[in-house]
Amino acid sequence: LEAETKLQSNYTKMLQAQLAEKQKRAARQLPLPQPMSTYS
């Protein structure tokens, strides 16, 4: 039961970290200096 409580706590922290990472990655989606066709 103690391990389950700790696991649930880690899950909550992981969820917060994942959401923060998701927001961080969304903020990186800036315009590229070249047209997309350049990268094919």
ModelCIF file with pLDDT and N, C-alpha, C, O atoms, coordinates in Angstrom:
data_MODEL
#
_entry.id   MODEL 
#
_entity.id                         1 
_entity.type                       polymer 
_entity.pdbx_number_of_molecules   1 
#
_entity_poly.entity_id                      1 
_entity_poly.type                           'polypeptide(L)' 
_entity_poly.nstd_linkage                   no 
_entity_poly.nstd_monomer                   no 
_entity_poly.pdbx_seq_one_letter_code       LEAETKLQSNYTKMLQAQLAEKQKRAARQLPLPQPMSTYS 
_entity_poly.pdbx_seq_one_letter_code_can   LEAETKLQSNYTKMLQAQLAEKQKRAARQLPLPQPMSTYS 
_entity_poly.pdbx_strand_id                 A 
#
loop_
_entity_poly_seq.entity_id 
_entity_poly_seq.num 
_entity_poly_seq.mon_id 
_entity_poly_seq.hetero 
1 1  LEU n 
1 2  GLU n 
1 3  ALA n 
1 4  GLU n 
1 5  THR n 
1 6  LYS n 
1 7  LEU n 
1 8  GLN n 
1 9  SER n 
1 10 ASN n 
1 11 TYR n 
1 12 THR n 
1 13 LYS n 
1 14 MET n 
1 15 LEU n 
1 16 GLN n 
1 17 ALA n 
1 18 GLN n 
1 19 LEU n 
1 20 ALA n 
1 21 GLU n 
1 22 LYS n 
1 23 GLN n 
1 24 LYS n 
1 25 ARG n 
1 26 ALA n 
1 27 ALA n 
1 28 ARG n 
1 29 GLN n 
1 30 LEU n 
1 31 PRO n 
1 32 LEU n 
1 33 PRO n 
1 34 GLN n 
1 35 PRO n 
1 36 MET n 
1 37 SER n 
1 38 THR n 
1 39 TYR n 
1 40 SER n 
#
_struct_asym.id          A 
_struct_asym.entity_id   1 
#
loop_
_ma_qa_metric.id 
_ma_qa_metric.mode 
_ma_qa_metric.name 
_ma_qa_metric.software_group_id 
_ma_qa_metric.type 
1 global pLDDT . pLDDT 
2 local  pLDDT . pLDDT 
#
_ma_qa_metric_global.metric_id      1 
_ma_qa_metric_global.metric_value   93.30 
_ma_qa_metric_global.model_id       1 
_ma_qa_metric_global.ordinal_id     1 
#
loop_
_ma_qa_metric_local.label_asym_id 
_ma_qa_metric_local.label_comp_id 
_ma_qa_metric_local.label_seq_id 
_ma_qa_metric_local.metric_id 
_ma_qa_metric_local.metric_value 
_ma_qa_metric_local.model_id 
_ma_qa_metric_local.ordinal_id 
A LEU 1  2 94.00 1 1  
A GLU 2  2 95.00 1 2  
A ALA 3  2 94.00 1 3  
A GLU 4  2 95.00 1 4  
A THR 5  2 95.00 1 5  
A LYS 6  2 94.00 1 6  
A LEU 7  2 94.00 1 7  
A GLN 8  2 93.00 1 8  
A SER 9  2 94.00 1 9  
A ASN 10 2 91.00 1 10 
A TYR 11 2 92.00 1 11 
A THR 12 2 92.00 1 12 
A LYS 13 2 92.00 1 13 
A MET 14 2 89.00 1 14 
A LEU 15 2 89.00 1 15 
A GLN 16 2 92.00 1 16 
A ALA 17 2 90.00 1 17 
A GLN 18 2 88.00 1 18 
A LEU 19 2 91.00 1 19 
A ALA 20 2 92.00 1 20 
A GLU 21 2 90.00 1 21 
A LYS 22 2 90.00 1 22 
A GLN 23 2 93.00 1 23 
A LYS 24 2 93.00 1 24 
A ARG 25 2 93.00 1 25 
A ALA 26 2 93.00 1 26 
A ALA 27 2 95.00 1 27 
A ARG 28 2 95.00 1 28 
A GLN 29 2 95.00 1 29 
A LEU 30 2 96.00 1 30 
A PRO 31 2 95.00 1 31 
A LEU 32 2 96.00 1 32 
A PRO 33 2 94.00 1 33 
A GLN 34 2 94.00 1 34 
A PRO 35 2 95.00 1 35 
A MET 36 2 95.00 1 36 
A SER 37 2 95.00 1 37 
A THR 38 2 95.00 1 38 
A TYR 39 2 97.00 1 39 
A SER 40 2 97.00 1 40 
#
loop_
_atom_site.group_PDB 
_atom_site.id 
_atom_site.type_symbol 
_atom_site.label_atom_id 
_atom_site.label_alt_id 
_atom_site.label_comp_id 
_atom_site.label_asym_id 
_atom_site.label_entity_id 
_atom_site.label_seq_id 
_atom_site.pdbx_PDB_ins_code 
_atom_site.Cartn_x 
_atom_site.Cartn_y 
_atom_site.Cartn_z 
_atom_site.occupancy 
_atom_site.B_iso_or_equiv 
_atom_site.pdbx_formal_charge 
_atom_site.auth_seq_id 
_atom_site.auth_comp_id 
_atom_site.auth_asym_id 
_atom_site.auth_atom_id 
_atom_site.pdbx_PDB_model_num 
ATOM 1   N N  . LEU A 1 1  ? 0.826  -1.202 0.000   1.00 94.00 ? 1  LEU A N  1 
ATOM 2   C CA . LEU A 1 1  ? 0.000  0.000  0.000   1.00 94.00 ? 1  LEU A CA 1 
ATOM 3   C C  . LEU A 1 1  ? 0.865  1.259  0.000   1.00 94.00 ? 1  LEU A C  1 
ATOM 4   O O  . LEU A 1 1  ? 0.546  2.250  -0.658  1.00 94.00 ? 1  LEU A O  1 
ATOM 5   N N  . GLU A 1 2  ? 1.951  1.201  0.740   1.00 95.00 ? 2  GLU A N  1 
ATOM 6   C CA . GLU A 1 2  ? 2.883  2.329  0.759   1.00 95.00 ? 2  GLU A CA 1 
ATOM 7   C C  . GLU A 1 2  ? 3.512  2.540  -0.621  1.00 95.00 ? 2  GLU A C  1 
ATOM 8   O O  . GLU A 1 2  ? 3.672  3.673  -1.075  1.00 95.00 ? 2  GLU A O  1 
ATOM 9   N N  . ALA A 1 3  ? 3.866  1.424  -1.283  1.00 94.00 ? 3  ALA A N  1 
ATOM 10  C CA . ALA A 1 3  ? 4.462  1.506  -2.625  1.00 94.00 ? 3  ALA A CA 1 
ATOM 11  C C  . ALA A 1 3  ? 3.453  2.046  -3.635  1.00 94.00 ? 3  ALA A C  1 
ATOM 12  O O  . ALA A 1 3  ? 3.825  2.789  -4.543  1.00 94.00 ? 3  ALA A O  1 
ATOM 13  N N  . GLU A 1 4  ? 2.181  1.680  -3.484  1.00 95.00 ? 4  GLU A N  1 
ATOM 14  C CA . GLU A 1 4  ? 1.150  2.188  -4.391  1.00 95.00 ? 4  GLU A CA 1 
ATOM 15  C C  . GLU A 1 4  ? 0.988  3.697  -4.240  1.00 95.00 ? 4  GLU A C  1 
ATOM 16  O O  . GLU A 1 4  ? 0.813  4.413  -5.225  1.00 95.00 ? 4  GLU A O  1 
ATOM 17  N N  . THR A 1 5  ? 1.048  4.176  -2.985  1.00 95.00 ? 5  THR A N  1 
ATOM 18  C CA . THR A 1 5  ? 0.943  5.612  -2.734  1.00 95.00 ? 5  THR A CA 1 
ATOM 19  C C  . THR A 1 5  ? 2.106  6.352  -3.395  1.00 95.00 ? 5  THR A C  1 
ATOM 20  O O  . THR A 1 5  ? 1.922  7.407  -4.002  1.00 95.00 ? 5  THR A O  1 
ATOM 21  N N  . LYS A 1 6  ? 3.305  5.782  -3.266  1.00 94.00 ? 6  LYS A N  1 
ATOM 22  C CA . LYS A 1 6  ? 4.487  6.386  -3.876  1.00 94.00 ? 6  LYS A CA 1 
ATOM 23  C C  . LYS A 1 6  ? 4.383  6.348  -5.398  1.00 94.00 ? 6  LYS A C  1 
ATOM 24  O O  . LYS A 1 6  ? 4.750  7.308  -6.075  1.00 94.00 ? 6  LYS A O  1 
ATOM 25  N N  . LEU A 1 7  ? 3.881  5.234  -5.932  1.00 94.00 ? 7  LEU A N  1 
ATOM 26  C CA . LEU A 1 7  ? 3.728  5.101  -7.379  1.00 94.00 ? 7  LEU A CA 1 
ATOM 27  C C  . LEU A 1 7  ? 2.729  6.128  -7.912  1.00 94.00 ? 7  LEU A C  1 
ATOM 28  O O  . LEU A 1 7  ? 2.944  6.726  -8.966  1.00 94.00 ? 7  LEU A O  1 
ATOM 29  N N  . GLN A 1 8  ? 1.625  6.326  -7.166  1.00 93.00 ? 8  GLN A N  1 
ATOM 30  C CA . GLN A 1 8  ? 0.627  7.307  -7.565  1.00 93.00 ? 8  GLN A CA 1 
ATOM 31  C C  . GLN A 1 8  ? 1.203  8.721  -7.539  1.00 93.00 ? 8  GLN A C  1 
ATOM 32  O O  . GLN A 1 8  ? 0.909  9.547  -8.403  1.00 93.00 ? 8  GLN A O  1 
ATOM 33  N N  . SER A 1 9  ? 2.036  8.980  -6.522  1.00 94.00 ? 9  SER A N  1 
ATOM 34  C CA . SER A 1 9  ? 2.692  10.287 -6.428  1.00 94.00 ? 9  SER A CA 1 
ATOM 35  C C  . SER A 1 9  ? 3.644  10.502 -7.602  1.00 94.00 ? 9  SER A C  1 
ATOM 36  O O  . SER A 1 9  ? 3.692  11.588 -8.179  1.00 94.00 ? 9  SER A O  1 
ATOM 37  N N  . ASN A 1 10 ? 4.401  9.461  -7.951  1.00 91.00 ? 10 ASN A N  1 
ATOM 38  C CA . ASN A 1 10 ? 5.324  9.555  -9.085  1.00 91.00 ? 10 ASN A CA 1 
ATOM 39  C C  . ASN A 1 10 ? 4.568  9.751  -10.392 1.00 91.00 ? 10 ASN A C  1 
ATOM 40  O O  . ASN A 1 10 ? 5.021  10.465 -11.287 1.00 91.00 ? 10 ASN A O  1 
ATOM 41  N N  . TYR A 1 11 ? 3.415  9.112  -10.488 1.00 92.00 ? 11 TYR A N  1 
ATOM 42  C CA . TYR A 1 11 ? 2.581  9.266  -11.681 1.00 92.00 ? 11 TYR A CA 1 
ATOM 43  C C  . TYR A 1 11 ? 2.139  10.721 -11.832 1.00 92.00 ? 11 TYR A C  1 
ATOM 44  O O  . TYR A 1 11 ? 2.190  11.286 -12.924 1.00 92.00 ? 11 TYR A O  1 
ATOM 45  N N  . THR A 1 12 ? 1.705  11.318 -10.724 1.00 92.00 ? 12 THR A N  1 
ATOM 46  C CA . THR A 1 12 ? 1.259  12.714 -10.754 1.00 92.00 ? 12 THR A CA 1 
ATOM 47  C C  . THR A 1 12 ? 2.398  13.641 -11.164 1.00 92.00 ? 12 THR A C  1 
ATOM 48  O O  . THR A 1 12 ? 2.200  14.558 -11.962 1.00 92.00 ? 12 THR A O  1 
ATOM 49  N N  . LYS A 1 13 ? 3.596  13.403 -10.616 1.00 92.00 ? 13 LYS A N  1 
ATOM 50  C CA . LYS A 1 13 ? 4.766  14.214 -10.966 1.00 92.00 ? 13 LYS A CA 1 
ATOM 51  C C  . LYS A 1 13 ? 5.135  14.016 -12.430 1.00 92.00 ? 13 LYS A C  1 
ATOM 52  O O  . LYS A 1 13 ? 5.477  14.968 -13.132 1.00 92.00 ? 13 LYS A O  1 
ATOM 53  N N  . MET A 1 14 ? 5.061  12.769 -12.879 1.00 89.00 ? 14 MET A N  1 
ATOM 54  C CA . MET A 1 14 ? 5.377  12.473 -14.278 1.00 89.00 ? 14 MET A CA 1 
ATOM 55  C C  . MET A 1 14 ? 4.382  13.162 -15.205 1.00 89.00 ? 14 MET A C  1 
ATOM 56  O O  . MET A 1 14 ? 4.763  13.697 -16.246 1.00 89.00 ? 14 MET A O  1 
ATOM 57  N N  . LEU A 1 15 ? 3.105  13.147 -14.822 1.00 89.00 ? 15 LEU A N  1 
ATOM 58  C CA . LEU A 1 15 ? 2.068  13.775 -15.632 1.00 89.00 ? 15 LEU A CA 1 
ATOM 59  C C  . LEU A 1 15 ? 2.321  15.278 -15.748 1.00 89.00 ? 15 LEU A C  1 
ATOM 60  O O  . LEU A 1 15 ? 2.176  15.857 -16.825 1.00 89.00 ? 15 LEU A O  1 
ATOM 61  N N  . GLN A 1 16 ? 2.696  15.896 -14.647 1.00 92.00 ? 16 GLN A N  1 
ATOM 62  C CA . GLN A 1 16 ? 3.004  17.330 -14.657 1.00 92.00 ? 16 GLN A CA 1 
ATOM 63  C C  . GLN A 1 16 ? 4.217  17.618 -15.533 1.00 92.00 ? 16 GLN A C  1 
ATOM 64  O O  . GLN A 1 16 ? 4.234  18.588 -16.292 1.00 92.00 ? 16 GLN A O  1 
ATOM 65  N N  . ALA A 1 17 ? 5.233  16.760 -15.418 1.00 90.00 ? 17 ALA A N  1 
ATOM 66  C CA . ALA A 1 17 ? 6.445  16.935 -16.225 1.00 90.00 ? 17 ALA A CA 1 
ATOM 67  C C  . ALA A 1 17 ? 6.147  16.748 -17.713 1.00 90.00 ? 17 ALA A C  1 
ATOM 68  O O  . ALA A 1 17 ? 6.672  17.480 -18.553 1.00 90.00 ? 17 ALA A O  1 
ATOM 69  N N  . GLN A 1 18 ? 5.302  15.764 -18.033 1.00 88.00 ? 18 GLN A N  1 
ATOM 70  C CA . GLN A 1 18 ? 4.942  15.510 -19.431 1.00 88.00 ? 18 GLN A CA 1 
ATOM 71  C C  . GLN A 1 18 ? 4.173  16.693 -20.024 1.00 88.00 ? 18 GLN A C  1 
ATOM 72  O O  . GLN A 1 18 ? 4.420  17.095 -21.161 1.00 88.00 ? 18 GLN A O  1 
ATOM 73  N N  . LEU A 1 19 ? 3.254  17.239 -19.258 1.00 91.00 ? 19 LEU A N  1 
ATOM 74  C CA . LEU A 1 19 ? 2.476  18.380 -19.750 1.00 91.00 ? 19 LEU A CA 1 
ATOM 75  C C  . LEU A 1 19 ? 3.375  19.596 -19.947 1.00 91.00 ? 19 LEU A C  1 
ATOM 76  O O  . LEU A 1 19 ? 3.218  20.343 -20.912 1.00 91.00 ? 19 LEU A O  1 
ATOM 77  N N  . ALA A 1 20 ? 4.328  19.791 -19.017 1.00 92.00 ? 20 ALA A N  1 
ATOM 78  C CA . ALA A 1 20 ? 5.275  20.892 -19.145 1.00 92.00 ? 20 ALA A CA 1 
ATOM 79  C C  . ALA A 1 20 ? 6.145  20.705 -20.384 1.00 92.00 ? 20 ALA A C  1 
ATOM 80  O O  . ALA A 1 20 ? 6.420  21.665 -21.104 1.00 92.00 ? 20 ALA A O  1 
ATOM 81  N N  . GLU A 1 21 ? 6.577  19.473 -20.633 1.00 90.00 ? 21 GLU A N  1 
ATOM 82  C CA . GLU A 1 21 ? 7.392  19.166 -21.809 1.00 90.00 ? 21 GLU A CA 1 
ATOM 83  C C  . GLU A 1 21 ? 6.586  19.383 -23.089 1.00 90.00 ? 21 GLU A C  1 
ATOM 84  O O  . GLU A 1 21 ? 7.109  19.874 -24.090 1.00 90.00 ? 21 GLU A O  1 
ATOM 85  N N  . LYS A 1 22 ? 5.320  19.015 -23.042 1.00 90.00 ? 22 LYS A N  1 
ATOM 86  C CA . LYS A 1 22 ? 4.457  19.192 -24.204 1.00 90.00 ? 22 LYS A CA 1 
ATOM 87  C C  . LYS A 1 22 ? 4.332  20.676 -24.555 1.00 90.00 ? 22 LYS A C  1 
ATOM 88  O O  . LYS A 1 22 ? 4.377  21.055 -25.725 1.00 90.00 ? 22 LYS A O  1 
ATOM 89  N N  . GLN A 1 23 ? 4.173  21.504 -23.525 1.00 93.00 ? 23 GLN A N  1 
ATOM 90  C CA . GLN A 1 23 ? 4.076  22.947 -23.741 1.00 93.00 ? 23 GLN A CA 1 
ATOM 91  C C  . GLN A 1 23 ? 5.398  23.516 -24.250 1.00 93.00 ? 23 GLN A C  1 
ATOM 92  O O  . GLN A 1 23 ? 5.418  24.385 -25.121 1.00 93.00 ? 23 GLN A O  1 
ATOM 93  N N  . LYS A 1 24 ? 6.497  23.016 -23.696 1.00 93.00 ? 24 LYS A N  1 
ATOM 94  C CA . LYS A 1 24 ? 7.818  23.466 -24.107 1.00 93.00 ? 24 LYS A CA 1 
ATOM 95  C C  . LYS A 1 24 ? 8.066  23.133 -25.573 1.00 93.00 ? 24 LYS A C  1 
ATOM 96  O O  . LYS A 1 24 ? 8.602  23.950 -26.323 1.00 93.00 ? 24 LYS A O  1 
ATOM 97  N N  . ARG A 1 25 ? 7.672  21.924 -25.974 1.00 93.00 ? 25 ARG A N  1 
ATOM 98  C CA . ARG A 1 25 ? 7.886  21.520 -27.353 1.00 93.00 ? 25 ARG A CA 1 
ATOM 99  C C  . ARG A 1 25 ? 6.980  22.298 -28.307 1.00 93.00 ? 25 ARG A C  1 
ATOM 100 O O  . ARG A 1 25 ? 7.362  22.589 -29.441 1.00 93.00 ? 25 ARG A O  1 
ATOM 101 N N  . ALA A 1 26 ? 5.773  22.633 -27.836 1.00 93.00 ? 26 ALA A N  1 
ATOM 102 C CA . ALA A 1 26 ? 4.861  23.419 -28.665 1.00 93.00 ? 26 ALA A CA 1 
ATOM 103 C C  . ALA A 1 26 ? 5.432  24.814 -28.916 1.00 93.00 ? 26 ALA A C  1 
ATOM 104 O O  . ALA A 1 26 ? 5.259  25.385 -29.993 1.00 93.00 ? 26 ALA A O  1 
ATOM 105 N N  . ALA A 1 27 ? 6.115  25.351 -27.907 1.00 95.00 ? 27 ALA A N  1 
ATOM 106 C CA . ALA A 1 27 ? 6.684  26.691 -28.036 1.00 95.00 ? 27 ALA A CA 1 
ATOM 107 C C  . ALA A 1 27 ? 7.846  26.734 -29.025 1.00 95.00 ? 27 ALA A C  1 
ATOM 108 O O  . ALA A 1 27 ? 8.214  27.809 -29.499 1.00 95.00 ? 27 ALA A O  1 
ATOM 109 N N  . ARG A 1 28 ? 8.430  25.567 -29.343 1.00 95.00 ? 28 ARG A N  1 
ATOM 110 C CA . ARG A 1 28 ? 9.548  25.518 -30.293 1.00 95.00 ? 28 ARG A CA 1 
ATOM 111 C C  . ARG A 1 28 ? 9.100  25.581 -31.747 1.00 95.00 ? 28 ARG A C  1 
ATOM 112 O O  . ARG A 1 28 ? 9.928  25.747 -32.642 1.00 95.00 ? 28 ARG A O  1 
ATOM 113 N N  . GLN A 1 29 ? 7.812  25.450 -31.989 1.00 95.00 ? 29 GLN A N  1 
ATOM 114 C CA . GLN A 1 29 ? 7.325  25.349 -33.365 1.00 95.00 ? 29 GLN A CA 1 
ATOM 115 C C  . GLN A 1 29 ? 7.289  26.724 -34.029 1.00 95.00 ? 29 GLN A C  1 
ATOM 116 O O  . GLN A 1 29 ? 6.225  27.294 -34.270 1.00 95.00 ? 29 GLN A O  1 
ATOM 117 N N  . LEU A 1 30 ? 8.483  27.236 -34.316 1.00 96.00 ? 30 LEU A N  1 
ATOM 118 C CA . LEU A 1 30 ? 8.643  28.551 -34.925 1.00 96.00 ? 30 LEU A CA 1 
ATOM 119 C C  . LEU A 1 30 ? 8.848  28.411 -36.441 1.00 96.00 ? 30 LEU A C  1 
ATOM 120 O O  . LEU A 1 30 ? 9.201  27.336 -36.925 1.00 96.00 ? 30 LEU A O  1 
ATOM 121 N N  . PRO A 1 31 ? 8.626  29.495 -37.179 1.00 95.00 ? 31 PRO A N  1 
ATOM 122 C CA . PRO A 1 31 ? 8.820  29.430 -38.639 1.00 95.00 ? 31 PRO A CA 1 
ATOM 123 C C  . PRO A 1 31 ? 10.262 29.090 -38.996 1.00 95.00 ? 31 PRO A C  1 
ATOM 124 O O  . PRO A 1 31 ? 11.206 29.581 -38.377 1.00 95.00 ? 31 PRO A O  1 
ATOM 125 N N  . LEU A 1 32 ? 10.407 28.256 -39.987 1.00 96.00 ? 32 LEU A N  1 
ATOM 126 C CA . LEU A 1 32 ? 11.741 27.845 -40.441 1.00 96.00 ? 32 LEU A CA 1 
ATOM 127 C C  . LEU A 1 32 ? 12.315 28.873 -41.405 1.00 96.00 ? 32 LEU A C  1 
ATOM 128 O O  . LEU A 1 32 ? 11.566 29.572 -42.087 1.00 96.00 ? 32 LEU A O  1 
ATOM 129 N N  . PRO A 1 33 ? 13.655 28.969 -41.467 1.00 94.00 ? 33 PRO A N  1 
ATOM 130 C CA . PRO A 1 33 ? 14.265 29.964 -42.354 1.00 94.00 ? 33 PRO A CA 1 
ATOM 131 C C  . PRO A 1 33 ? 14.179 29.615 -43.834 1.00 94.00 ? 33 PRO A C  1 
ATOM 132 O O  . PRO A 1 33 ? 14.449 30.461 -44.687 1.00 94.00 ? 33 PRO A O  1 
ATOM 133 N N  . GLN A 1 34 ? 13.806 28.378 -44.145 1.00 94.00 ? 34 GLN A N  1 
ATOM 134 C CA . GLN A 1 34 ? 13.706 27.936 -45.544 1.00 94.00 ? 34 GLN A CA 1 
ATOM 135 C C  . GLN A 1 34 ? 12.335 27.310 -45.781 1.00 94.00 ? 34 GLN A C  1 
ATOM 136 O O  . GLN A 1 34 ? 11.720 26.818 -44.835 1.00 94.00 ? 34 GLN A O  1 
ATOM 137 N N  . PRO A 1 35 ? 11.843 27.314 -47.010 1.00 95.00 ? 35 PRO A N  1 
ATOM 138 C CA . PRO A 1 35 ? 10.592 26.599 -47.309 1.00 95.00 ? 35 PRO A CA 1 
ATOM 139 C C  . PRO A 1 35 ? 10.723 25.118 -46.942 1.00 95.00 ? 35 PRO A C  1 
ATOM 140 O O  . PRO A 1 35 ? 11.828 24.576 -46.989 1.00 95.00 ? 35 PRO A O  1 
ATOM 141 N N  . MET A 1 36 ? 9.640  24.461 -46.585 1.00 95.00 ? 36 MET A N  1 
ATOM 142 C CA . MET A 1 36 ? 9.682  23.056 -46.181 1.00 95.00 ? 36 MET A CA 1 
ATOM 143 C C  . MET A 1 36 ? 10.272 22.168 -47.273 1.00 95.00 ? 36 MET A C  1 
ATOM 144 O O  . MET A 1 36 ? 10.921 21.162 -46.985 1.00 95.00 ? 36 MET A O  1 
ATOM 145 N N  . SER A 1 37 ? 10.041 22.551 -48.528 1.00 95.00 ? 37 SER A N  1 
ATOM 146 C CA . SER A 1 37 ? 10.555 21.735 -49.632 1.00 95.00 ? 37 SER A CA 1 
ATOM 147 C C  . SER A 1 37 ? 12.081 21.646 -49.619 1.00 95.00 ? 37 SER A C  1 
ATOM 148 O O  . SER A 1 37 ? 12.656 20.727 -50.204 1.00 95.00 ? 37 SER A O  1 
ATOM 149 N N  . THR A 1 38 ? 12.739 22.602 -48.950 1.00 95.00 ? 38 THR A N  1 
ATOM 150 C CA . THR A 1 38 ? 14.201 22.596 -48.857 1.00 95.00 ? 38 THR A CA 1 
ATOM 151 C C  . THR A 1 38 ? 14.707 21.343 -48.155 1.00 95.00 ? 38 THR A C  1 
ATOM 152 O O  . THR A 1 38 ? 15.804 20.858 -48.434 1.00 95.00 ? 38 THR A O  1 
ATOM 153 N N  . TYR A 1 39 ? 13.895 20.829 -47.245 1.00 97.00 ? 39 TYR A N  1 
ATOM 154 C CA . TYR A 1 39 ? 14.347 19.740 -46.373 1.00 97.00 ? 39 TYR A CA 1 
ATOM 155 C C  . TYR A 1 39 ? 14.014 18.340 -46.898 1.00 97.00 ? 39 TYR A C  1 
ATOM 156 O O  . TYR A 1 39 ? 14.302 17.340 -46.241 1.00 97.00 ? 39 TYR A O  1 
ATOM 157 N N  . SER A 1 40 ? 13.416 18.278 -48.065 1.00 97.00 ? 40 SER A N  1 
ATOM 158 C CA . SER A 1 40 ? 13.104 16.964 -48.635 1.00 97.00 ? 40 SER A CA 1 
ATOM 159 C C  . SER A 1 40 ? 14.327 16.415 -49.364 1.00 97.00 ? 40 SER A C  1 
ATOM 160 O O  . SER A 1 40 ? 14.276 15.316 -49.917 1.00 97.00 ? 40 SER A O  1 
#
